[in-house]
Amino acid sequence: MREAVPSEFEADLQKMAAYQAEFARYNRRRKAVFRRLFQCYHRLEVSGLENIPDGAALIAANHGGSLDLDILALSDFCHPHRPIHVLITVNWHYLNSAWGRYWVGGGIPLWTRGGIRYEYLDPYLQAGGSQFPGLAAIFPEGNSGTFQQRHLLRTFYSGVVRIALRYQVPIVPAATVGFQKACPIFLEIERDHAPSDPVIASLIPFPCKLKVEFGPAFRLEKYYGRSLTRAEENWIANQIVRPRVAEVLARHARTVLADAKVEMKGPA
């Protein structure tokens, strides 16, 4: 009898488990190095932890700078005892990338085409999941942006809304501050349905102070159980979620909402 071929998801689970086992010692050392970097070199300051619920939640943060320092800070050094699992585009996730394996070392794979693959999120956000109640984080802008655009909070994509509504979890708006100054990107190539590629960027971080602040959590209860169009999801992302993130970010730096680049329509 022919053996059953594992699905792509099952194969990925096997790869992820193998990575975590093989790189366990390496990642402990990597985290120790980055902990010193954030403590001594960047003087990382974290505030608003009281706003993170005890249960499952989705953190929505602005994204900025090269070297993914904001991902590293959120993942391992913001919460004293709960890991935050950042959604990372699959091309840069440790499943497929040396950058993900040796530099980031964690995260939930995110496909930017074909819709969100919820089976990868279920363990953290769905009741009964192996890591429930977990904390997941998403950068709704999708891209880091250049240093010249550091004051812009770009258009939010609808994934943050879909996830929050599917799992009916609160959204925690978060501001990552100083990362664009620590690792500026001066030129990038924009990609469709994929993060931009930095062309000219700092490869060595500057000793800038970094801050992460978590704002008050909120729910999209008004839209639970409703069937929404993509334009309506975009409206919620940019008219409800993005202003909450901007409010937290504006406490630390001048913040301007960029013109939306997606079709939007308010739900009836």
C-alpha atoms as a PDB file:
ATOM      1  CA  MET A   1       0.000   0.000   0.000  1.00  0.00           C
ATOM      2  CA  ARG A   2       1.337   3.418  -0.955  1.00  0.00           C
ATOM      3  CA  GLU A   3       2.166   5.599   2.056  1.00  0.00           C
ATOM      4  CA  ALA A   4       0.118   8.757   2.444  1.00  0.00           C
ATOM      5  CA  VAL A   5       1.979  11.861   1.364  1.00  0.00           C
ATOM      6  CA  PRO A   6       1.905  14.515   4.103  1.00  0.00           C
ATOM      7  CA  SER A   7       0.149  17.752   3.263  1.00  0.00           C
ATOM      8  CA  GLU A   8       2.147  20.957   2.914  1.00  0.00           C
ATOM      9  CA  PHE A   9       1.008  21.976   6.388  1.00  0.00           C
ATOM     10  CA  GLU A  10       2.022  18.639   7.926  1.00  0.00           C
ATOM     11  CA  ALA A  11       5.394  18.831   6.167  1.00  0.00           C
ATOM     12  CA  ASP A  12       5.899  22.359   7.485  1.00  0.00           C
ATOM     13  CA  LEU A  13       5.056  21.248  11.020  1.00  0.00           C
ATOM     14  CA  GLN A  14       7.734  18.569  10.761  1.00  0.00           C
ATOM     15  CA  LYS A  15      10.271  21.101   9.470  1.00  0.00           C
ATOM     16  CA  MET A  16       9.385  23.564  12.228  1.00  0.00           C
ATOM     17  CA  ALA A  17       9.696  20.932  14.960  1.00  0.00           C
ATOM     18  CA  ALA A  18      13.033  19.797  13.534  1.00  0.00           C
ATOM     19  CA  TYR A  19      14.304  23.378  13.441  1.00  0.00           C
ATOM     20  CA  GLN A  20      13.290  24.078  17.028  1.00  0.00           C
ATOM     21  CA  ALA A  21      15.068  20.933  18.194  1.00  0.00           C
ATOM     22  CA  GLU A  22      18.220  21.387  16.111  1.00  0.00           C
ATOM     23  CA  PHE A  23      18.614  25.122  16.790  1.00  0.00           C
ATOM     24  CA  ALA A  24      17.552  25.130  20.457  1.00  0.00           C
ATOM     25  CA  ARG A  25      21.053  25.752  21.825  1.00  0.00           C
ATOM     26  CA  TYR A  26      21.916  28.225  19.064  1.00  0.00           C
ATOM     27  CA  ASN A  27      18.750  30.237  19.699  1.00  0.00           C
ATOM     28  CA  ARG A  28      19.419  30.410  23.441  1.00  0.00           C
ATOM     29  CA  ARG A  29      22.819  31.932  22.695  1.00  0.00           C
ATOM     30  CA  ARG A  30      21.397  34.203  20.005  1.00  0.00           C
ATOM     31  CA  LYS A  31      18.804  35.545  22.439  1.00  0.00           C
ATOM     32  CA  ALA A  32      21.450  36.129  25.090  1.00  0.00           C
ATOM     33  CA  VAL A  33      23.459  38.254  22.647  1.00  0.00           C
ATOM     34  CA  PHE A  34      20.421  40.248  21.550  1.00  0.00           C
ATOM     35  CA  ARG A  35      19.299  40.709  25.148  1.00  0.00           C
ATOM     36  CA  ARG A  36      22.573  42.500  25.894  1.00  0.00           C
ATOM     37  CA  LEU A  37      22.269  44.476  22.673  1.00  0.00           C
ATOM     38  CA  PHE A  38      18.788  45.721  23.535  1.00  0.00           C
ATOM     39  CA  GLN A  39      19.591  46.366  27.203  1.00  0.00           C
ATOM     40  CA  CYS A  40      22.949  48.085  26.912  1.00  0.00           C
ATOM     41  CA  TYR A  41      23.278  49.376  23.369  1.00  0.00           C
ATOM     42  CA  HIS A  42      19.676  50.380  22.607  1.00  0.00           C
ATOM     43  CA  ARG A  43      18.396  50.818  26.186  1.00  0.00           C
ATOM     44  CA  LEU A  44      15.077  49.217  25.162  1.00  0.00           C
ATOM     45  CA  GLU A  45      12.137  50.622  27.116  1.00  0.00           C
ATOM     46  CA  VAL A  46       8.845  48.721  27.218  1.00  0.00           C
ATOM     47  CA  SER A  47       5.632  50.225  28.574  1.00  0.00           C
ATOM     48  CA  GLY A  48       1.942  49.378  28.625  1.00  0.00           C
ATOM     49  CA  LEU A  49       2.309  45.710  29.475  1.00  0.00           C
ATOM     50  CA  GLU A  50      -0.771  46.034  31.667  1.00  0.00           C
ATOM     51  CA  ASN A  51      -2.767  46.527  28.442  1.00  0.00           C
ATOM     52  CA  ILE A  52      -1.962  43.028  27.181  1.00  0.00           C
ATOM     53  CA  PRO A  53      -4.815  40.687  28.195  1.00  0.00           C
ATOM     54  CA  ASP A  54      -4.114  37.457  30.045  1.00  0.00           C
ATOM     55  CA  GLY A  55      -5.823  35.524  27.274  1.00  0.00           C
ATOM     56  CA  ALA A  56      -5.138  35.293  23.563  1.00  0.00           C
ATOM     57  CA  ALA A  57      -4.633  38.572  21.724  1.00  0.00           C
ATOM     58  CA  LEU A  58      -3.453  40.028  18.429  1.00  0.00           C
ATOM     59  CA  ILE A  59      -0.858  42.802  18.609  1.00  0.00           C
ATOM     60  CA  ALA A  60      -0.917  45.316  15.744  1.00  0.00           C
ATOM     61  CA  ALA A  61       2.281  47.370  15.450  1.00  0.00           C
ATOM     62  CA  ASN A  62       3.929  49.798  13.061  1.00  0.00           C
ATOM     63  CA  HIS A  63       6.912  48.403  11.163  1.00  0.00           C
ATOM     64  CA  GLY A  64      10.172  50.245  10.592  1.00  0.00           C
ATOM     65  CA  GLY A  65      13.871  49.912   9.963  1.00  0.00           C
ATOM     66  CA  SER A  66      16.129  47.246   8.537  1.00  0.00           C
ATOM     67  CA  LEU A  67      17.594  44.167  10.266  1.00  0.00           C
ATOM     68  CA  ASP A  68      14.129  43.309  11.673  1.00  0.00           C
ATOM     69  CA  LEU A  69      15.041  44.679  15.095  1.00  0.00           C
ATOM     70  CA  ASP A  70      11.372  45.369  15.793  1.00  0.00           C
ATOM     71  CA  ILE A  71      10.553  41.700  15.178  1.00  0.00           C
ATOM     72  CA  LEU A  72      13.362  40.607  17.496  1.00  0.00           C
ATOM     73  CA  ALA A  73      12.313  43.050  20.214  1.00  0.00           C
ATOM     74  CA  LEU A  74       8.652  42.044  20.093  1.00  0.00           C
ATOM     75  CA  SER A  75       9.337  38.318  19.910  1.00  0.00           C
ATOM     76  CA  ASP A  76      11.630  37.853  22.870  1.00  0.00           C
ATOM     77  CA  PHE A  77      12.244  41.007  24.872  1.00  0.00           C
ATOM     78  CA  CYS A  78       8.961  42.855  25.430  1.00  0.00           C
ATOM     79  CA  HIS A  79       6.936  40.538  27.632  1.00  0.00           C
ATOM     80  CA  PRO A  80       8.554  39.173  30.816  1.00  0.00           C
ATOM     81  CA  HIS A  81       7.118  35.661  30.567  1.00  0.00           C
ATOM     82  CA  ARG A  82       4.996  35.298  27.398  1.00  0.00           C
ATOM     83  CA  PRO A  83       6.521  34.962  23.930  1.00  0.00           C
ATOM     84  CA  ILE A  84       5.003  37.085  21.187  1.00  0.00           C
ATOM     85  CA  HIS A  85       4.784  35.211  17.891  1.00  0.00           C
ATOM     86  CA  VAL A  86       5.232  37.623  14.987  1.00  0.00           C
ATOM     87  CA  LEU A  87       3.747  36.820  11.592  1.00  0.00           C
ATOM     88  CA  ILE A  88       6.627  36.804   9.104  1.00  0.00           C
ATOM     89  CA  THR A  89       6.307  36.525   5.339  1.00  0.00           C
ATOM     90  CA  VAL A  90       7.063  32.930   4.422  1.00  0.00           C
ATOM     91  CA  ASN A  91       9.957  33.872   2.131  1.00  0.00           C
ATOM     92  CA  TRP A  92      11.846  35.256   5.157  1.00  0.00           C
ATOM     93  CA  HIS A  93      10.614  32.706   7.706  1.00  0.00           C
ATOM     94  CA  TYR A  94      13.055  30.089   8.968  1.00  0.00           C
ATOM     95  CA  LEU A  95      11.195  27.494   6.916  1.00  0.00           C
ATOM     96  CA  ASN A  96      12.711  28.955   3.753  1.00  0.00           C
ATOM     97  CA  SER A  97      15.375  31.478   4.680  1.00  0.00           C
ATOM     98  CA  ALA A  98      18.823  31.479   6.268  1.00  0.00           C
ATOM     99  CA  TRP A  99      17.934  34.953   7.564  1.00  0.00           C
ATOM    100  CA  GLY A 100      14.988  33.458   9.434  1.00  0.00           C
ATOM    101  CA  ARG A 101      16.975  30.497  10.711  1.00  0.00           C
ATOM    102  CA  TYR A 102      20.039  32.317  11.985  1.00  0.00           C
ATOM    103  CA  TRP A 103      18.870  35.874  12.703  1.00  0.00           C
ATOM    104  CA  VAL A 104      15.163  35.878  13.652  1.00  0.00           C
ATOM    105  CA  GLY A 105      14.736  32.315  14.857  1.00  0.00           C
ATOM    106  CA  GLY A 106      10.966  32.286  15.291  1.00  0.00           C
ATOM    107  CA  GLY A 107       7.630  33.580  14.097  1.00  0.00           C
ATOM    108  CA  ILE A 108       4.515  32.335  12.328  1.00  0.00           C
ATOM    109  CA  PRO A 109       4.765  31.962   8.532  1.00  0.00           C
ATOM    110  CA  LEU A 110       2.529  34.338   6.597  1.00  0.00           C
ATOM    111  CA  TRP A 111       1.605  33.970   2.922  1.00  0.00           C
ATOM    112  CA  THR A 112       0.930  37.265   1.159  1.00  0.00           C
ATOM    113  CA  ARG A 113      -0.966  35.617  -1.688  1.00  0.00           C
ATOM    114  CA  GLY A 114      -3.929  33.268  -1.550  1.00  0.00           C
ATOM    115  CA  GLY A 115      -5.264  34.348   1.829  1.00  0.00           C
ATOM    116  CA  ILE A 116      -4.223  33.707   5.412  1.00  0.00           C
ATOM    117  CA  ARG A 117      -3.513  30.074   6.254  1.00  0.00           C
ATOM    118  CA  TYR A 118      -5.241  29.898   9.600  1.00  0.00           C
ATOM    119  CA  GLU A 119      -3.972  26.442  10.531  1.00  0.00           C
ATOM    120  CA  TYR A 120      -0.647  28.094  11.350  1.00  0.00           C
ATOM    121  CA  LEU A 121      -2.401  30.523  13.718  1.00  0.00           C
ATOM    122  CA  ASP A 122      -4.847  28.070  15.304  1.00  0.00           C
ATOM    123  CA  PRO A 123      -2.384  26.762  17.926  1.00  0.00           C
ATOM    124  CA  TYR A 124      -2.041  30.266  19.411  1.00  0.00           C
ATOM    125  CA  LEU A 125      -5.408  31.950  18.989  1.00  0.00           C
ATOM    126  CA  GLN A 126      -8.004  29.170  18.843  1.00  0.00           C
ATOM    127  CA  ALA A 127      -9.346  27.732  22.075  1.00  0.00           C
ATOM    128  CA  GLY A 128      -7.882  24.265  22.596  1.00  0.00           C
ATOM    129  CA  GLY A 129      -4.780  25.022  20.528  1.00  0.00           C
ATOM    130  CA  SER A 130      -1.446  23.688  21.729  1.00  0.00           C
ATOM    131  CA  GLN A 131      -0.139  27.204  22.519  1.00  0.00           C
ATOM    132  CA  PHE A 132      -3.466  28.765  23.558  1.00  0.00           C
ATOM    133  CA  PRO A 133      -3.844  31.392  24.890  1.00  0.00           C
ATOM    134  CA  GLY A 134      -1.060  32.857  22.801  1.00  0.00           C
ATOM    135  CA  LEU A 135       0.047  36.277  21.675  1.00  0.00           C
ATOM    136  CA  ALA A 136       0.418  36.855  17.937  1.00  0.00           C
ATOM    137  CA  ALA A 137       1.687  40.065  16.347  1.00  0.00           C
ATOM    138  CA  ILE A 138       1.202  41.492  12.893  1.00  0.00           C
ATOM    139  CA  PHE A 139       2.578  44.508  11.042  1.00  0.00           C
ATOM    140  CA  PRO A 140      -0.533  45.606   9.103  1.00  0.00           C
ATOM    141  CA  GLU A 141       1.494  48.011   6.931  1.00  0.00           C
ATOM    142  CA  GLY A 142       3.365  45.054   5.461  1.00  0.00           C
ATOM    143  CA  ASN A 143       6.511  47.091   4.723  1.00  0.00           C
ATOM    144  CA  SER A 144       9.112  48.941   6.758  1.00  0.00           C
ATOM    145  CA  GLY A 145       9.323  52.100   4.649  1.00  0.00           C
ATOM    146  CA  THR A 146      12.299  54.394   4.198  1.00  0.00           C
ATOM    147  CA  PHE A 147      13.860  56.781   6.689  1.00  0.00           C
ATOM    148  CA  GLN A 148      12.461  59.690   4.681  1.00  0.00           C
ATOM    149  CA  GLN A 149       8.949  58.286   5.322  1.00  0.00           C
ATOM    150  CA  ARG A 150       9.514  57.618   9.011  1.00  0.00           C
ATOM    151  CA  HIS A 151       6.603  59.833  10.095  1.00  0.00           C
ATOM    152  CA  LEU A 152       4.108  58.047   7.851  1.00  0.00           C
ATOM    153  CA  LEU A 153       1.867  55.303   9.123  1.00  0.00           C
ATOM    154  CA  ARG A 154       1.111  53.572   5.861  1.00  0.00           C
ATOM    155  CA  THR A 155      -2.054  51.876   4.653  1.00  0.00           C
ATOM    156  CA  PHE A 156      -3.120  48.876   6.722  1.00  0.00           C
ATOM    157  CA  TYR A 157      -3.968  45.663   4.929  1.00  0.00           C
ATOM    158  CA  SER A 158      -7.066  43.720   5.929  1.00  0.00           C
ATOM    159  CA  GLY A 159      -5.332  40.702   7.478  1.00  0.00           C
ATOM    160  CA  VAL A 160      -5.372  42.257  10.944  1.00  0.00           C
ATOM    161  CA  VAL A 161      -9.167  42.510  10.747  1.00  0.00           C
ATOM    162  CA  ARG A 162      -9.690  39.001   9.399  1.00  0.00           C
ATOM    163  CA  ILE A 163      -7.618  37.448  12.158  1.00  0.00           C
ATOM    164  CA  ALA A 164      -9.263  39.467  14.926  1.00  0.00           C
ATOM    165  CA  LEU A 165     -12.744  38.597  13.670  1.00  0.00           C
ATOM    166  CA  ARG A 166     -12.059  34.923  13.017  1.00  0.00           C
ATOM    167  CA  TYR A 167     -10.729  34.263  16.508  1.00  0.00           C
ATOM    168  CA  GLN A 168     -12.726  37.023  18.227  1.00  0.00           C
ATOM    169  CA  VAL A 169      -9.637  38.149  20.115  1.00  0.00           C
ATOM    170  CA  PRO A 170      -8.800  41.685  21.258  1.00  0.00           C
ATOM    171  CA  ILE A 171      -6.377  43.822  19.271  1.00  0.00           C
ATOM    172  CA  VAL A 172      -3.546  45.496  21.178  1.00  0.00           C
ATOM    173  CA  PRO A 173      -2.198  48.551  19.288  1.00  0.00           C
ATOM    174  CA  ALA A 174       1.551  48.915  19.678  1.00  0.00           C
ATOM    175  CA  ALA A 175       4.132  51.551  18.800  1.00  0.00           C
ATOM    176  CA  THR A 176       7.710  50.635  17.941  1.00  0.00           C
ATOM    177  CA  VAL A 177       9.808  53.776  18.310  1.00  0.00           C
ATOM    178  CA  GLY A 178      13.371  54.540  17.217  1.00  0.00           C
ATOM    179  CA  PHE A 179      13.853  51.500  15.016  1.00  0.00           C
ATOM    180  CA  GLN A 180      13.961  53.535  11.799  1.00  0.00           C
ATOM    181  CA  LYS A 181      16.702  55.710  13.278  1.00  0.00           C
ATOM    182  CA  ALA A 182      18.660  52.745  14.621  1.00  0.00           C
ATOM    183  CA  CYS A 183      18.552  50.880  11.280  1.00  0.00           C
ATOM    184  CA  PRO A 184      17.472  53.325   8.565  1.00  0.00           C
ATOM    185  CA  ILE A 185      16.434  52.250   5.089  1.00  0.00           C
ATOM    186  CA  PHE A 186      17.278  54.916   2.507  1.00  0.00           C
ATOM    187  CA  LEU A 187      16.076  53.202  -0.664  1.00  0.00           C
ATOM    188  CA  GLU A 188      13.816  50.229  -1.285  1.00  0.00           C
ATOM    189  CA  ILE A 189      12.082  48.500  -4.159  1.00  0.00           C
ATOM    190  CA  GLU A 190       8.360  48.072  -3.641  1.00  0.00           C
ATOM    191  CA  ARG A 191       6.887  44.663  -4.452  1.00  0.00           C
ATOM    192  CA  ASP A 192       3.281  43.689  -5.138  1.00  0.00           C
ATOM    193  CA  HIS A 193       1.879  41.310  -2.518  1.00  0.00           C
ATOM    194  CA  ALA A 194       5.269  41.117  -0.810  1.00  0.00           C
ATOM    195  CA  PRO A 195       7.440  43.207   1.520  1.00  0.00           C
ATOM    196  CA  SER A 196       9.674  45.774  -0.141  1.00  0.00           C
ATOM    197  CA  ASP A 197      13.324  44.918  -0.697  1.00  0.00           C
ATOM    198  CA  PRO A 198      15.807  47.300   0.978  1.00  0.00           C
ATOM    199  CA  VAL A 199      18.441  48.424  -1.523  1.00  0.00           C
ATOM    200  CA  ILE A 200      20.364  50.956   0.537  1.00  0.00           C
ATOM    201  CA  ALA A 201      20.119  50.400   4.287  1.00  0.00           C
ATOM    202  CA  SER A 202      22.225  50.392   7.417  1.00  0.00           C
ATOM    203  CA  LEU A 203      23.855  47.016   8.044  1.00  0.00           C
ATOM    204  CA  ILE A 204      25.082  48.024  11.498  1.00  0.00           C
ATOM    205  CA  PRO A 205      22.579  49.439  14.009  1.00  0.00           C
ATOM    206  CA  PHE A 206      23.211  52.879  15.469  1.00  0.00           C
ATOM    207  CA  PRO A 207      23.047  53.209  19.284  1.00  0.00           C
ATOM    208  CA  CYS A 208      19.619  54.845  19.310  1.00  0.00           C
ATOM    209  CA  LYS A 209      17.235  54.356  22.200  1.00  0.00           C
ATOM    210  CA  LEU A 210      14.364  52.041  21.324  1.00  0.00           C
ATOM    211  CA  LYS A 211      10.869  51.997  22.803  1.00  0.00           C
ATOM    212  CA  VAL A 212       7.865  49.728  22.512  1.00  0.00           C
ATOM    213  CA  GLU A 213       4.544  50.821  23.982  1.00  0.00           C
ATOM    214  CA  PHE A 214       1.368  48.739  24.093  1.00  0.00           C
ATOM    215  CA  GLY A 215      -1.878  50.699  24.038  1.00  0.00           C
ATOM    216  CA  PRO A 216      -5.290  49.744  25.459  1.00  0.00           C
ATOM    217  CA  ALA A 217      -6.760  46.616  23.904  1.00  0.00           C
ATOM    218  CA  PHE A 218     -10.031  46.822  21.979  1.00  0.00           C
ATOM    219  CA  ARG A 219     -12.369  44.431  20.217  1.00  0.00           C
ATOM    220  CA  LEU A 220     -14.224  44.551  16.921  1.00  0.00           C
ATOM    221  CA  GLU A 221     -17.314  43.044  18.529  1.00  0.00           C
ATOM    222  CA  LYS A 222     -19.655  45.051  16.298  1.00  0.00           C
ATOM    223  CA  TYR A 223     -18.474  42.973  13.338  1.00  0.00           C
ATOM    224  CA  TYR A 224     -18.369  39.502  14.918  1.00  0.00           C
ATOM    225  CA  GLY A 225     -20.230  36.943  12.851  1.00  0.00           C
ATOM    226  CA  ARG A 226     -20.725  39.281   9.881  1.00  0.00           C
ATOM    227  CA  SER A 227     -19.797  38.533   6.291  1.00  0.00           C
ATOM    228  CA  LEU A 228     -17.683  41.450   5.101  1.00  0.00           C
ATOM    229  CA  THR A 229     -16.315  42.375   1.706  1.00  0.00           C
ATOM    230  CA  ARG A 230     -12.620  43.114   1.179  1.00  0.00           C
ATOM    231  CA  ALA A 231     -13.426  46.835   0.883  1.00  0.00           C
ATOM    232  CA  GLU A 232     -15.260  46.731   4.208  1.00  0.00           C
ATOM    233  CA  GLU A 233     -12.371  44.911   5.888  1.00  0.00           C
ATOM    234  CA  ASN A 234     -10.007  47.545   4.514  1.00  0.00           C
ATOM    235  CA  TRP A 235     -12.247  50.284   5.917  1.00  0.00           C
ATOM    236  CA  ILE A 236     -12.172  48.726   9.399  1.00  0.00           C
ATOM    237  CA  ALA A 237      -8.399  48.269   9.199  1.00  0.00           C
ATOM    238  CA  ASN A 238      -7.790  51.904   8.234  1.00  0.00           C
ATOM    239  CA  GLN A 239     -10.624  53.740   9.972  1.00  0.00           C
ATOM    240  CA  ILE A 240     -10.692  51.822  13.248  1.00  0.00           C
ATOM    241  CA  VAL A 241      -7.460  49.884  13.771  1.00  0.00           C
ATOM    242  CA  ARG A 242      -4.899  52.251  12.209  1.00  0.00           C
ATOM    243  CA  PRO A 243      -6.002  55.312  14.234  1.00  0.00           C
ATOM    244  CA  ARG A 244      -5.557  53.307  17.456  1.00  0.00           C
ATOM    245  CA  VAL A 245      -1.976  52.472  16.493  1.00  0.00           C
ATOM    246  CA  ALA A 246      -1.383  56.067  15.405  1.00  0.00           C
ATOM    247  CA  GLU A 247      -2.638  57.322  18.776  1.00  0.00           C
ATOM    248  CA  VAL A 248      -0.014  55.290  20.635  1.00  0.00           C
ATOM    249  CA  LEU A 249       2.734  56.149  18.153  1.00  0.00           C
ATOM    250  CA  ALA A 250       1.961  59.874  18.286  1.00  0.00           C
ATOM    251  CA  ARG A 251       2.929  59.942  21.959  1.00  0.00           C
ATOM    252  CA  HIS A 252       6.523  59.464  20.872  1.00  0.00           C
ATOM    253  CA  ALA A 253       6.909  60.931  17.385  1.00  0.00           C
ATOM    254  CA  ARG A 254       5.122  63.012  14.780  1.00  0.00           C
ATOM    255  CA  THR A 255       2.738  60.671  13.022  1.00  0.00           C
ATOM    256  CA  VAL A 256       0.944  61.204   9.720  1.00  0.00           C
ATOM    257  CA  LEU A 257      -1.599  58.795   8.239  1.00  0.00           C
ATOM    258  CA  ALA A 258      -0.680  58.094   4.635  1.00  0.00           C
ATOM    259  CA  ASP A 259      -3.408  58.123   2.020  1.00  0.00           C
ATOM    260  CA  ALA A 260      -4.983  54.675   1.743  1.00  0.00           C
ATOM    261  CA  LYS A 261      -4.004  52.698  -1.344  1.00  0.00           C
ATOM    262  CA  VAL A 262      -6.806  50.170  -1.105  1.00  0.00           C
ATOM    263  CA  GLU A 263     -10.490  50.243  -1.931  1.00  0.00           C
ATOM    264  CA  MET A 264     -12.505  51.012   1.182  1.00  0.00           C
ATOM    265  CA  LYS A 265     -16.200  51.074   1.995  1.00  0.00           C
ATOM    266  CA  GLY A 266     -17.720  51.437   5.440  1.00  0.00           C
ATOM    267  CA  PRO A 267     -19.881  48.471   6.531  1.00  0.00           C
ATOM    268  CA  ALA A 268     -23.602  49.142   6.466  1.00  0.00           C
END
